[in-house]
Structure formats: C-alpha cells, structure tokens
C-alpha cells in the first residue's frame, strides 16, 4: 500500500499573529495539503494564512538535551526585560 506523506499544518488566525501548529494530515502534495488543511482546520473562517510542512522534513532537538542546548542562554542577562529600567510613564510593557 502506497501511503500519502504526512504534513504538519500551521495556521495564522489573525494578521500579525504567529502561525500555530493545529494538527497533521496526509496528502499527495503541498497544494492538496493546503486545500485539505483549509477544509479541516479553518471551518469558521478563523485563518488568514496556512503553512504545511512535510513531517519528514522537520528536525527537532531531543528534550533530553535541553540543559546543554539552552544553558548558554543563561549568561545573556541583557536579553531579559528585567535588565532594563522602564520610564515611569510607560504603563504597559
């Protein structure tokens, strides 16, 4: 049996927001994957953009390697908002 490839589906719900993973589906090609994703994941007109990526093309880190992978970020205090002093007139940051 020749099975269609698995695609991961990402939807952006409004302009300016990030795409979020909403699920997976099987399709023979990217165009069909987008059409199927539209039908399955945006039934209430909530999407403005769809991304599909073949599952086999995604490379992920191993959760067991998290400490070694993310530990170097702890020495970059300038990336944390607590490093900066905000002016008193800035209310929402």
C-alpha atoms as a PDB file:
ATOM      1  CA  UNK A   1       0.000   0.000   0.000  1.00  0.00           C
ATOM      2  CA  UNK A   2       1.403   3.400  -1.031  1.00  0.00           C
ATOM      3  CA  UNK A   3       0.511   5.913   1.698  1.00  0.00           C
ATOM      4  CA  UNK A   4       0.483   9.683   1.125  1.00  0.00           C
ATOM      5  CA  UNK A   5       3.076  11.678   3.055  1.00  0.00           C
ATOM      6  CA  UNK A   6       2.203  13.198   6.423  1.00  0.00           C
ATOM      7  CA  UNK A   7       2.046  17.018   6.601  1.00  0.00           C
ATOM      8  CA  UNK A   8       2.109  19.254   9.674  1.00  0.00           C
ATOM      9  CA  UNK A   9      -0.341  22.151   9.489  1.00  0.00           C
ATOM     10  CA  UNK A  10       0.226  25.644  10.891  1.00  0.00           C
ATOM     11  CA  UNK A  11      -2.487  28.328  10.879  1.00  0.00           C
ATOM     12  CA  UNK A  12      -2.195  32.056  11.496  1.00  0.00           C
ATOM     13  CA  UNK A  13      -5.516  33.170  12.917  1.00  0.00           C
ATOM     14  CA  UNK A  14      -5.185  36.952  12.510  1.00  0.00           C
ATOM     15  CA  UNK A  15      -2.888  39.392  10.801  1.00  0.00           C
ATOM     16  CA  UNK A  16       0.277  39.898  12.808  1.00  0.00           C
ATOM     17  CA  UNK A  17      -0.009  36.771  14.950  1.00  0.00           C
ATOM     18  CA  UNK A  18       2.330  33.795  14.748  1.00  0.00           C
ATOM     19  CA  UNK A  19       1.419  30.580  12.954  1.00  0.00           C
ATOM     20  CA  UNK A  20       0.442  27.816  15.395  1.00  0.00           C
ATOM     21  CA  UNK A  21       0.561  24.087  14.879  1.00  0.00           C
ATOM     22  CA  UNK A  22      -3.009  22.809  14.654  1.00  0.00           C
ATOM     23  CA  UNK A  23      -2.567  19.222  13.517  1.00  0.00           C
ATOM     24  CA  UNK A  24      -1.438  16.815  10.835  1.00  0.00           C
ATOM     25  CA  UNK A  25      -2.903  15.309   7.702  1.00  0.00           C
ATOM     26  CA  UNK A  26      -1.993  13.062   4.782  1.00  0.00           C
ATOM     27  CA  UNK A  27      -1.926  14.476   1.237  1.00  0.00           C
ATOM     28  CA  UNK A  28      -0.120  13.636  -2.013  1.00  0.00           C
ATOM     29  CA  UNK A  29       1.403  17.127  -2.435  1.00  0.00           C
ATOM     30  CA  UNK A  30       1.636  20.597  -0.862  1.00  0.00           C
ATOM     31  CA  UNK A  31      -1.274  22.077  -2.835  1.00  0.00           C
ATOM     32  CA  UNK A  32      -3.629  19.315  -1.728  1.00  0.00           C
ATOM     33  CA  UNK A  33      -2.304  19.577   1.830  1.00  0.00           C
ATOM     34  CA  UNK A  34      -3.187  23.294   1.908  1.00  0.00           C
ATOM     35  CA  UNK A  35      -6.658  22.651   0.488  1.00  0.00           C
ATOM     36  CA  UNK A  36      -7.303  19.831   2.960  1.00  0.00           C
ATOM     37  CA  UNK A  37      -5.942  21.933   5.853  1.00  0.00           C
ATOM     38  CA  UNK A  38      -8.312  24.752   4.901  1.00  0.00           C
ATOM     39  CA  UNK A  39     -11.261  22.355   4.907  1.00  0.00           C
ATOM     40  CA  UNK A  40     -10.310  20.630   8.163  1.00  0.00           C
ATOM     41  CA  UNK A  41      -8.788  23.386  10.299  1.00  0.00           C
ATOM     42  CA  UNK A  42     -10.429  26.668   9.192  1.00  0.00           C
ATOM     43  CA  UNK A  43     -14.124  25.845   9.032  1.00  0.00           C
ATOM     44  CA  UNK A  44     -15.178  29.054  10.800  1.00  0.00           C
ATOM     45  CA  UNK A  45     -13.125  31.499   8.705  1.00  0.00           C
ATOM     46  CA  UNK A  46     -10.586  31.884  11.539  1.00  0.00           C
ATOM     47  CA  UNK A  47      -7.460  31.595   9.401  1.00  0.00           C
ATOM     48  CA  UNK A  48      -5.659  34.156   7.262  1.00  0.00           C
ATOM     49  CA  UNK A  49      -2.625  32.024   6.369  1.00  0.00           C
ATOM     50  CA  UNK A  50      -1.808  28.303   6.190  1.00  0.00           C
ATOM     51  CA  UNK A  51       1.607  26.659   6.224  1.00  0.00           C
ATOM     52  CA  UNK A  52       2.114  22.964   5.526  1.00  0.00           C
ATOM     53  CA  UNK A  53       5.423  21.167   6.065  1.00  0.00           C
ATOM     54  CA  UNK A  54       6.201  17.530   5.395  1.00  0.00           C
ATOM     55  CA  UNK A  55       6.695  15.854   8.739  1.00  0.00           C
ATOM     56  CA  UNK A  56       9.826  14.096   7.482  1.00  0.00           C
ATOM     57  CA  UNK A  57      11.437  17.499   6.802  1.00  0.00           C
ATOM     58  CA  UNK A  58      11.158  18.695  10.408  1.00  0.00           C
ATOM     59  CA  UNK A  59      14.212  18.306  12.589  1.00  0.00           C
ATOM     60  CA  UNK A  60      13.748  18.700  16.331  1.00  0.00           C
ATOM     61  CA  UNK A  61      16.033  18.750  19.321  1.00  0.00           C
ATOM     62  CA  UNK A  62      15.885  15.937  21.853  1.00  0.00           C
ATOM     63  CA  UNK A  63      14.216  17.017  25.130  1.00  0.00           C
ATOM     64  CA  UNK A  64      16.959  15.137  26.995  1.00  0.00           C
ATOM     65  CA  UNK A  65      19.482  17.597  25.517  1.00  0.00           C
ATOM     66  CA  UNK A  66      17.588  20.678  26.725  1.00  0.00           C
ATOM     67  CA  UNK A  67      20.005  21.571  29.524  1.00  0.00           C
ATOM     68  CA  UNK A  68      23.077  21.534  27.293  1.00  0.00           C
ATOM     69  CA  UNK A  69      21.244  23.203  24.423  1.00  0.00           C
ATOM     70  CA  UNK A  70      19.686  26.085  26.348  1.00  0.00           C
ATOM     71  CA  UNK A  71      22.175  26.585  29.198  1.00  0.00           C
ATOM     72  CA  UNK A  72      24.350  29.064  27.242  1.00  0.00           C
ATOM     73  CA  UNK A  73      21.412  31.497  27.192  1.00  0.00           C
ATOM     74  CA  UNK A  74      21.633  31.982  30.972  1.00  0.00           C
ATOM     75  CA  UNK A  75      24.730  34.179  30.622  1.00  0.00           C
ATOM     76  CA  UNK A  76      22.952  36.692  28.378  1.00  0.00           C
ATOM     77  CA  UNK A  77      21.183  38.801  31.001  1.00  0.00           C
ATOM     78  CA  UNK A  78      20.773  41.635  28.525  1.00  0.00           C
ATOM     79  CA  UNK A  79      18.101  39.552  26.776  1.00  0.00           C
ATOM     80  CA  UNK A  80      15.871  39.591  29.844  1.00  0.00           C
ATOM     81  CA  UNK A  81      13.487  42.514  30.320  1.00  0.00           C
ATOM     82  CA  UNK A  82      14.498  42.783  33.989  1.00  0.00           C
ATOM     83  CA  UNK A  83      17.850  44.184  32.828  1.00  0.00           C
ATOM     84  CA  UNK A  84      16.254  47.411  31.609  1.00  0.00           C
ATOM     85  CA  UNK A  85      14.681  50.169  33.642  1.00  0.00           C
ATOM     86  CA  UNK A  86      11.434  51.472  32.179  1.00  0.00           C
ATOM     87  CA  UNK A  87      10.441  55.117  32.403  1.00  0.00           C
ATOM     88  CA  UNK A  88       7.583  55.788  34.821  1.00  0.00           C
ATOM     89  CA  UNK A  89       5.262  56.945  32.041  1.00  0.00           C
ATOM     90  CA  UNK A  90       5.417  53.524  30.333  1.00  0.00           C
ATOM     91  CA  UNK A  91       2.397  51.691  31.718  1.00  0.00           C
ATOM     92  CA  UNK A  92       2.042  48.513  29.677  1.00  0.00           C
ATOM     93  CA  UNK A  93       5.184  46.701  28.681  1.00  0.00           C
END
